[in-house]
Amino acid sequence: GNMFAMSMEMSEKGYLDGLDDQIDWGDEEHM
């Protein structure tokens, strides 16, 4: 769960732009 939350904030800040996928806040389907 913490890794999800971290990656959600990273996605929001653009840190994961180099990966093939990102994740939005609260996207339980993706989780």
PDB file of all heavy atoms in Angstrom:
ATOM      1  N   GLY A   1       0.810  -1.211   0.000  1.00  0.00           N
ATOM      2  CA  GLY A   1       0.000   0.000   0.000  1.00  0.00           C
ATOM      3  C   GLY A   1       0.843   1.261   0.000  1.00  0.00           C
ATOM      4  O   GLY A   1       0.551   2.238  -0.704  1.00  0.00           O
ATOM      5  N   ASN A   2       1.907   1.259   0.800  1.00  0.00           N
ATOM      6  CA  ASN A   2       2.801   2.414   0.821  1.00  0.00           C
ATOM      7  C   ASN A   2       3.489   2.618  -0.523  1.00  0.00           C
ATOM      8  O   ASN A   2       3.705   3.755  -0.960  1.00  0.00           O
ATOM      9  CB  ASN A   2       3.848   2.242   1.920  1.00  0.00           C
ATOM     10  CG  ASN A   2       3.395   2.796   3.262  1.00  0.00           C
ATOM     11  OD1 ASN A   2       3.130   3.983   3.390  1.00  0.00           O
ATOM     12  ND2 ASN A   2       3.309   1.935   4.259  1.00  0.00           N
ATOM     13  N   MET A   3       3.857   1.513  -1.179  1.00  0.00           N
ATOM     14  CA  MET A   3       4.475   1.640  -2.502  1.00  0.00           C
ATOM     15  C   MET A   3       3.487   2.203  -3.515  1.00  0.00           C
ATOM     16  O   MET A   3       3.862   2.988  -4.402  1.00  0.00           O
ATOM     17  CB  MET A   3       5.010   0.288  -2.965  1.00  0.00           C
ATOM     18  CG  MET A   3       6.219  -0.214  -2.188  1.00  0.00           C
ATOM     19  SD  MET A   3       7.629   0.932  -2.219  1.00  0.00           S
ATOM     20  CE  MET A   3       8.047   0.930  -3.968  1.00  0.00           C
ATOM     21  N   PHE A   4       2.212   1.815  -3.397  1.00  0.00           N
ATOM     22  CA  PHE A   4       1.193   2.421  -4.254  1.00  0.00           C
ATOM     23  C   PHE A   4       1.134   3.933  -4.024  1.00  0.00           C
ATOM     24  O   PHE A   4       1.150   4.723  -4.973  1.00  0.00           O
ATOM     25  CB  PHE A   4      -0.178   1.814  -3.969  1.00  0.00           C
ATOM     26  CG  PHE A   4      -0.404   0.455  -4.579  1.00  0.00           C
ATOM     27  CD1 PHE A   4      -1.221  -0.472  -3.938  1.00  0.00           C
ATOM     28  CD2 PHE A   4       0.165   0.100  -5.787  1.00  0.00           C
ATOM     29  CE1 PHE A   4      -1.453  -1.725  -4.484  1.00  0.00           C
ATOM     30  CE2 PHE A   4      -0.058  -1.152  -6.347  1.00  0.00           C
ATOM     31  CZ  PHE A   4      -0.871  -2.066  -5.690  1.00  0.00           C
ATOM     32  N   ALA A   5       1.040   4.327  -2.751  1.00  0.00           N
ATOM     33  CA  ALA A   5       0.915   5.748  -2.435  1.00  0.00           C
ATOM     34  C   ALA A   5       2.138   6.526  -2.914  1.00  0.00           C
ATOM     35  O   ALA A   5       2.022   7.632  -3.459  1.00  0.00           O
ATOM     36  CB  ALA A   5       0.711   5.930  -0.931  1.00  0.00           C
ATOM     37  N   MET A   6       3.326   5.953  -2.713  1.00  0.00           N
ATOM     38  CA  MET A   6       4.547   6.605  -3.171  1.00  0.00           C
ATOM     39  C   MET A   6       4.543   6.777  -4.685  1.00  0.00           C
ATOM     40  O   MET A   6       4.875   7.849  -5.210  1.00  0.00           O
ATOM     41  CB  MET A   6       5.768   5.791  -2.727  1.00  0.00           C
ATOM     42  CG  MET A   6       7.102   6.437  -3.067  1.00  0.00           C
ATOM     43  SD  MET A   6       8.542   5.442  -2.589  1.00  0.00           S
ATOM     44  CE  MET A   6       8.712   4.432  -4.075  1.00  0.00           C
ATOM     45  N   SER A   7       4.152   5.700  -5.397  1.00  0.00           N
ATOM     46  CA  SER A   7       4.160   5.773  -6.865  1.00  0.00           C
ATOM     47  C   SER A   7       3.076   6.719  -7.374  1.00  0.00           C
ATOM     48  O   SER A   7       3.238   7.337  -8.443  1.00  0.00           O
ATOM     49  CB  SER A   7       3.990   4.378  -7.466  1.00  0.00           C
ATOM     50  OG  SER A   7       2.757   3.795  -7.097  1.00  0.00           O
ATOM     51  N   MET A   8       1.967   6.859  -6.641  1.00  0.00           N
ATOM     52  CA  MET A   8       0.937   7.817  -7.029  1.00  0.00           C
ATOM     53  C   MET A   8       1.466   9.245  -6.928  1.00  0.00           C
ATOM     54  O   MET A   8       1.243  10.075  -7.820  1.00  0.00           O
ATOM     55  CB  MET A   8      -0.307   7.629  -6.162  1.00  0.00           C
ATOM     56  CG  MET A   8      -1.066   6.342  -6.456  1.00  0.00           C
ATOM     57  SD  MET A   8      -2.305   5.952  -5.178  1.00  0.00           S
ATOM     58  CE  MET A   8      -2.949   4.392  -5.803  1.00  0.00           C
ATOM     59  N   GLU A   9       2.170   9.530  -5.835  1.00  0.00           N
ATOM     60  CA  GLU A   9       2.759  10.865  -5.699  1.00  0.00           C
ATOM     61  C   GLU A   9       3.861  11.069  -6.737  1.00  0.00           C
ATOM     62  O   GLU A   9       3.992  12.162  -7.317  1.00  0.00           O
ATOM     63  CB  GLU A   9       3.305  11.071  -4.292  1.00  0.00           C
ATOM     64  CG  GLU A   9       3.811  12.488  -4.061  1.00  0.00           C
ATOM     65  CD  GLU A   9       4.257  12.751  -2.629  1.00  0.00           C
ATOM     66  OE1 GLU A   9       3.921  11.968  -1.720  1.00  0.00           O
ATOM     67  OE2 GLU A   9       4.964  13.774  -2.433  1.00  0.00           O
ATOM     68  N   MET A  10       4.657  10.032  -6.987  1.00  0.00           N
ATOM     69  CA  MET A  10       5.694  10.125  -8.018  1.00  0.00           C
ATOM     70  C   MET A  10       5.089  10.389  -9.389  1.00  0.00           C
ATOM     71  O   MET A  10       5.615  11.192 -10.179  1.00  0.00           O
ATOM     72  CB  MET A  10       6.504   8.828  -8.064  1.00  0.00           C
ATOM     73  CG  MET A  10       7.500   8.661  -6.940  1.00  0.00           C
ATOM     74  SD  MET A  10       8.418   7.107  -7.134  1.00  0.00           S
ATOM     75  CE  MET A  10       9.747   7.340  -5.952  1.00  0.00           C
ATOM     76  N   SER A  11       3.978   9.703  -9.682  1.00  0.00           N
ATOM     77  CA  SER A  11       3.306   9.920 -10.964  1.00  0.00           C
ATOM     78  C   SER A  11       2.842  11.362 -11.089  1.00  0.00           C
ATOM     79  O   SER A  11       3.010  12.010 -12.134  1.00  0.00           O
ATOM     80  CB  SER A  11       2.122   8.961 -11.112  1.00  0.00           C
ATOM     81  OG  SER A  11       2.535   7.611 -11.146  1.00  0.00           O
ATOM     82  N   GLU A  12       2.266  11.864  -9.999  1.00  0.00           N
ATOM     83  CA  GLU A  12       1.764  13.237  -9.992  1.00  0.00           C
ATOM     84  C   GLU A  12       2.890  14.243 -10.220  1.00  0.00           C
ATOM     85  O   GLU A  12       2.700  15.270 -10.889  1.00  0.00           O
ATOM     86  CB  GLU A  12       1.071  13.502  -8.656  1.00  0.00           C
ATOM     87  CG  GLU A  12       0.399  14.842  -8.538  1.00  0.00           C
ATOM     88  CD  GLU A  12      -0.323  14.972  -7.203  1.00  0.00           C
ATOM     89  OE1 GLU A  12       0.331  14.835  -6.147  1.00  0.00           O
ATOM     90  OE2 GLU A  12      -1.548  15.195  -7.223  1.00  0.00           O
ATOM     91  N   LYS A  13       4.075  13.947  -9.682  1.00  0.00           N
ATOM     92  CA  LYS A  13       5.215  14.870  -9.783  1.00  0.00           C
ATOM     93  C   LYS A  13       6.053  14.648 -11.036  1.00  0.00           C
ATOM     94  O   LYS A  13       7.038  15.364 -11.251  1.00  0.00           O
ATOM     95  CB  LYS A  13       6.088  14.732  -8.532  1.00  0.00           C
ATOM     96  CG  LYS A  13       5.422  15.247  -7.266  1.00  0.00           C
ATOM     97  CD  LYS A  13       6.335  15.126  -6.050  1.00  0.00           C
ATOM     98  CE  LYS A  13       5.717  15.799  -4.823  1.00  0.00           C
ATOM     99  NZ  LYS A  13       6.590  15.696  -3.628  1.00  0.00           N
ATOM    100  N   GLY A  14       5.705  13.643 -11.836  1.00  0.00           N
ATOM    101  CA  GLY A  14       6.432  13.414 -13.071  1.00  0.00           C
ATOM    102  C   GLY A  14       7.659  12.545 -12.946  1.00  0.00           C
ATOM    103  O   GLY A  14       8.417  12.380 -13.916  1.00  0.00           O
ATOM    104  N   TYR A  15       7.884  11.948 -11.782  1.00  0.00           N
ATOM    105  CA  TYR A  15       9.082  11.131 -11.590  1.00  0.00           C
ATOM    106  C   TYR A  15       9.047   9.833 -12.395  1.00  0.00           C
ATOM    107  O   TYR A  15      10.096   9.253 -12.674  1.00  0.00           O
ATOM    108  CB  TYR A  15       9.262  10.774 -10.111  1.00  0.00           C
ATOM    109  CG  TYR A  15       9.523  11.927  -9.177  1.00  0.00           C
ATOM    110  CD1 TYR A  15       9.299  11.797  -7.817  1.00  0.00           C
ATOM    111  CD2 TYR A  15       9.993  13.149  -9.644  1.00  0.00           C
ATOM    112  CE1 TYR A  15       9.543  12.841  -6.930  1.00  0.00           C
ATOM    113  CE2 TYR A  15      10.227  14.203  -8.784  1.00  0.00           C
ATOM    114  CZ  TYR A  15      10.001  14.047  -7.421  1.00  0.00           C
ATOM    115  OH  TYR A  15      10.244  15.084  -6.563  1.00  0.00           O
ATOM    116  N   LEU A  16       7.855   9.359 -12.747  1.00  0.00           N
ATOM    117  CA  LEU A  16       7.740   8.075 -13.436  1.00  0.00           C
ATOM    118  C   LEU A  16       7.506   8.239 -14.933  1.00  0.00           C
ATOM    119  O   LEU A  16       7.117   7.282 -15.613  1.00  0.00           O
ATOM    120  CB  LEU A  16       6.602   7.246 -12.817  1.00  0.00           C
ATOM    121  CG  LEU A  16       6.707   6.952 -11.321  1.00  0.00           C
ATOM    122  CD1 LEU A  16       5.615   5.978 -10.897  1.00  0.00           C
ATOM    123  CD2 LEU A  16       8.076   6.399 -10.950  1.00  0.00           C
ATOM    124  N   ASP A  17       7.785   9.419 -15.468  1.00  0.00           N
ATOM    125  CA  ASP A  17       7.537   9.661 -16.889  1.00  0.00           C
ATOM    126  C   ASP A  17       8.356   8.725 -17.772  1.00  0.00           C
ATOM    127  O   ASP A  17       7.970   8.443 -18.910  1.00  0.00           O
ATOM    128  CB  ASP A  17       7.855  11.114 -17.257  1.00  0.00           C
ATOM    129  CG  ASP A  17       6.820  12.094 -16.708  1.00  0.00           C
ATOM    130  OD1 ASP A  17       5.768  11.623 -16.223  1.00  0.00           O
ATOM    131  OD2 ASP A  17       7.069  13.304 -16.740  1.00  0.00           O
ATOM    132  N   GLY A  18       9.472   8.219 -17.259  1.00  0.00           N
ATOM    133  CA  GLY A  18      10.307   7.335 -18.048  1.00  0.00           C
ATOM    134  C   GLY A  18       9.871   5.889 -18.049  1.00  0.00           C
ATOM    135  O   GLY A  18      10.425   5.067 -18.797  1.00  0.00           O
ATOM    136  N   LEU A  19       8.882   5.532 -17.230  1.00  0.00           N
ATOM    137  CA  LEU A  19       8.390   4.157 -17.183  1.00  0.00           C
ATOM    138  C   LEU A  19       7.246   3.959 -18.179  1.00  0.00           C
ATOM    139  O   LEU A  19       6.653   4.929 -18.663  1.00  0.00           O
ATOM    140  CB  LEU A  19       7.906   3.808 -15.769  1.00  0.00           C
ATOM    141  CG  LEU A  19       8.950   3.831 -14.644  1.00  0.00           C
ATOM    142  CD1 LEU A  19       8.323   3.354 -13.351  1.00  0.00           C
ATOM    143  CD2 LEU A  19      10.160   2.977 -14.984  1.00  0.00           C
ATOM    144  N   ASP A  20       6.919   2.693 -18.419  1.00  0.00           N
ATOM    145  CA  ASP A  20       5.853   2.394 -19.378  1.00  0.00           C
ATOM    146  C   ASP A  20       4.464   2.589 -18.797  1.00  0.00           C
ATOM    147  O   ASP A  20       3.467   2.501 -19.520  1.00  0.00           O
ATOM    148  CB  ASP A  20       6.000   0.966 -19.910  1.00  0.00           C
ATOM    149  CG  ASP A  20       5.830  -0.097 -18.820  1.00  0.00           C
ATOM    150  OD1 ASP A  20       5.767   0.281 -17.635  1.00  0.00           O
ATOM    151  OD2 ASP A  20       5.785  -1.297 -19.158  1.00  0.00           O
ATOM    152  N   ASP A  21       4.377   2.846 -17.486  1.00  0.00           N
ATOM    153  CA  ASP A  21       3.068   2.947 -16.842  1.00  0.00           C
ATOM    154  C   ASP A  21       3.198   3.840 -15.617  1.00  0.00           C
ATOM    155  O   ASP A  21       4.283   3.978 -15.029  1.00  0.00           O
ATOM    156  CB  ASP A  21       2.577   1.559 -16.430  1.00  0.00           C
ATOM    157  CG  ASP A  21       1.081   1.534 -16.122  1.00  0.00           C
ATOM    158  OD1 ASP A  21       0.402   2.547 -16.356  1.00  0.00           O
ATOM    159  OD2 ASP A  21       0.603   0.496 -15.631  1.00  0.00           O
ATOM    160  N   GLN A  22       2.073   4.451 -15.226  1.00  0.00           N
ATOM    161  CA  GLN A  22       1.997   5.248 -14.009  1.00  0.00           C
ATOM    162  C   GLN A  22       0.666   4.927 -13.349  1.00  0.00           C
ATOM    163  O   GLN A  22      -0.105   4.109 -13.854  1.00  0.00           O
ATOM    164  CB  GLN A  22       2.148   6.737 -14.334  1.00  0.00           C
ATOM    165  CG  GLN A  22       3.476   7.085 -15.006  1.00  0.00           C
ATOM    166  CD  GLN A  22       3.700   8.571 -15.165  1.00  0.00           C
ATOM    167  OE1 GLN A  22       3.413   9.355 -14.261  1.00  0.00           O
ATOM    168  NE2 GLN A  22       4.217   8.983 -16.328  1.00  0.00           N
ATOM    169  N   ILE A  23       0.399   5.571 -12.205  1.00  0.00           N
ATOM    170  CA  ILE A  23      -0.847   5.255 -11.505  1.00  0.00           C
ATOM    171  C   ILE A  23      -1.398   6.503 -10.837  1.00  0.00           C
ATOM    172  O   ILE A  23      -0.657   7.280 -10.221  1.00  0.00           O
ATOM    173  CB  ILE A  23      -0.637   4.116 -10.483  1.00  0.00           C
ATOM    174  CG1 ILE A  23      -1.964   3.742  -9.814  1.00  0.00           C
ATOM    175  CG2 ILE A  23       0.453   4.445  -9.473  1.00  0.00           C
ATOM    176  CD1 ILE A  23      -1.897   2.446  -9.021  1.00  0.00           C
ATOM    177  N   ASP A  24      -2.698   6.699 -10.958  1.00  0.00           N
ATOM    178  CA  ASP A  24      -3.369   7.864 -10.386  1.00  0.00           C
ATOM    179  C   ASP A  24      -3.811   7.579  -8.956  1.00  0.00           C
ATOM    180  O   ASP A  24      -4.022   6.432  -8.558  1.00  0.00           O
ATOM    181  CB  ASP A  24      -4.597   8.227 -11.229  1.00  0.00           C
ATOM    182  CG  ASP A  24      -4.225   8.683 -12.630  1.00  0.00           C
ATOM    183  OD1 ASP A  24      -3.136   9.271 -12.791  1.00  0.00           O
ATOM    184  OD2 ASP A  24      -5.020   8.428 -13.559  1.00  0.00           O
ATOM    185  N   TRP A  25      -4.011   8.642  -8.197  1.00  0.00           N
ATOM    186  CA  TRP A  25      -4.499   8.517  -6.824  1.00  0.00           C
ATOM    187  C   TRP A  25      -5.830   7.761  -6.795  1.00  0.00           C
ATOM    188  O   TRP A  25      -6.740   8.045  -7.579  1.00  0.00           O
ATOM    189  CB  TRP A  25      -4.716   9.895  -6.195  1.00  0.00           C
ATOM    190  CG  TRP A  25      -3.445  10.630  -5.868  1.00  0.00           C
ATOM    191  CD1 TRP A  25      -2.930  11.720  -6.492  1.00  0.00           C
ATOM    192  CD2 TRP A  25      -2.538  10.301  -4.810  1.00  0.00           C
ATOM    193  NE1 TRP A  25      -1.756  12.091  -5.898  1.00  0.00           N
ATOM    194  CE2 TRP A  25      -1.490  11.246  -4.855  1.00  0.00           C
ATOM    195  CE3 TRP A  25      -2.512   9.311  -3.822  1.00  0.00           C
ATOM    196  CZ2 TRP A  25      -0.418  11.235  -3.955  1.00  0.00           C
ATOM    197  CZ3 TRP A  25      -1.456   9.279  -2.924  1.00  0.00           C
ATOM    198  CH2 TRP A  25      -0.425  10.225  -2.993  1.00  0.00           C
ATOM    199  N   GLY A  26      -5.914   6.794  -5.900  1.00  0.00           N
ATOM    200  CA  GLY A  26      -7.176   6.109  -5.654  1.00  0.00           C
ATOM    201  C   GLY A  26      -7.650   5.196  -6.757  1.00  0.00           C
ATOM    202  O   GLY A  26      -8.823   4.783  -6.752  1.00  0.00           O
ATOM    203  N   ASP A  27      -6.780   4.831  -7.694  1.00  0.00           N
ATOM    204  CA  ASP A  27      -7.186   3.981  -8.822  1.00  0.00           C
ATOM    205  C   ASP A  27      -7.156   2.521  -8.381  1.00  0.00           C
ATOM    206  O   ASP A  27      -6.208   1.790  -8.647  1.00  0.00           O
ATOM    207  CB  ASP A  27      -6.258   4.217 -10.012  1.00  0.00           C
ATOM    208  CG  ASP A  27      -6.710   3.491 -11.270  1.00  0.00           C
ATOM    209  OD1 ASP A  27      -7.641   2.661 -11.182  1.00  0.00           O
ATOM    210  OD2 ASP A  27      -6.123   3.737 -12.343  1.00  0.00           O
ATOM    211  N   GLU A  28      -8.250   2.089  -7.723  1.00  0.00           N
ATOM    212  CA  GLU A  28      -8.263   0.736  -7.160  1.00  0.00           C
ATOM    213  C   GLU A  28      -8.234  -0.347  -8.234  1.00  0.00           C
ATOM    214  O   GLU A  28      -7.709  -1.450  -8.005  1.00  0.00           O
ATOM    215  CB  GLU A  28      -9.459   0.536  -6.218  1.00  0.00           C
ATOM    216  CG  GLU A  28     -10.822   0.498  -6.868  1.00  0.00           C
ATOM    217  CD  GLU A  28     -11.503   1.850  -6.889  1.00  0.00           C
ATOM    218  OE1 GLU A  28     -10.798   2.878  -6.706  1.00  0.00           O
ATOM    219  OE2 GLU A  28     -12.733   1.881  -7.077  1.00  0.00           O
ATOM    220  N   GLU A  29      -8.798  -0.074  -9.393  1.00  0.00           N
ATOM    221  CA  GLU A  29      -8.755  -1.056 -10.477  1.00  0.00           C
ATOM    222  C   GLU A  29      -7.309  -1.343 -10.890  1.00  0.00           C
ATOM    223  O   GLU A  29      -6.912  -2.504 -11.071  1.00  0.00           O
ATOM    224  CB  GLU A  29      -9.555  -0.538 -11.685  1.00  0.00           C
ATOM    225  CG  GLU A  29     -11.022  -0.301 -11.419  1.00  0.00           C
ATOM    226  CD  GLU A  29     -11.820  -1.590 -11.359  1.00  0.00           C
ATOM    227  OE1 GLU A  29     -11.328  -2.617 -11.871  1.00  0.00           O
ATOM    228  OE2 GLU A  29     -12.924  -1.582 -10.795  1.00  0.00           O
ATOM    229  N   HIS A  30      -6.524  -0.288 -11.033  1.00  0.00           N
ATOM    230  CA  HIS A  30      -5.123  -0.438 -11.406  1.00  0.00           C
ATOM    231  C   HIS A  30      -4.331  -1.114 -10.276  1.00  0.00           C
ATOM    232  O   HIS A  30      -3.454  -1.958 -10.533  1.00  0.00           O
ATOM    233  CB  HIS A  30      -4.529   0.933 -11.731  1.00  0.00           C
ATOM    234  CG  HIS A  30      -3.267   0.885 -12.541  1.00  0.00           C
ATOM    235  ND1 HIS A  30      -2.647   2.010 -13.026  1.00  0.00           N
ATOM    236  CD2 HIS A  30      -2.487  -0.158 -12.942  1.00  0.00           C
ATOM    237  CE1 HIS A  30      -1.556   1.673 -13.694  1.00  0.00           C
ATOM    238  NE2 HIS A  30      -1.438   0.366 -13.658  1.00  0.00           N
ATOM    239  N   MET A  31      -4.642  -0.754  -9.039  1.00  0.00           N
ATOM    240  CA  MET A  31      -3.953  -1.346  -7.890  1.00  0.00           C
ATOM    241  C   MET A  31      -4.151  -2.862  -7.845  1.00  0.00           C
ATOM    242  O   MET A  31      -3.203  -3.621  -7.600  1.00  0.00           O
ATOM    243  CB  MET A  31      -4.456  -0.702  -6.595  1.00  0.00           C
ATOM    244  CG  MET A  31      -4.081   0.765  -6.442  1.00  0.00           C
ATOM    245  SD  MET A  31      -5.090   1.626  -5.203  1.00  0.00           S
ATOM    246  CE  MET A  31      -4.405   0.987  -3.684  1.00  0.00           C
TER     247      MET A  31
END
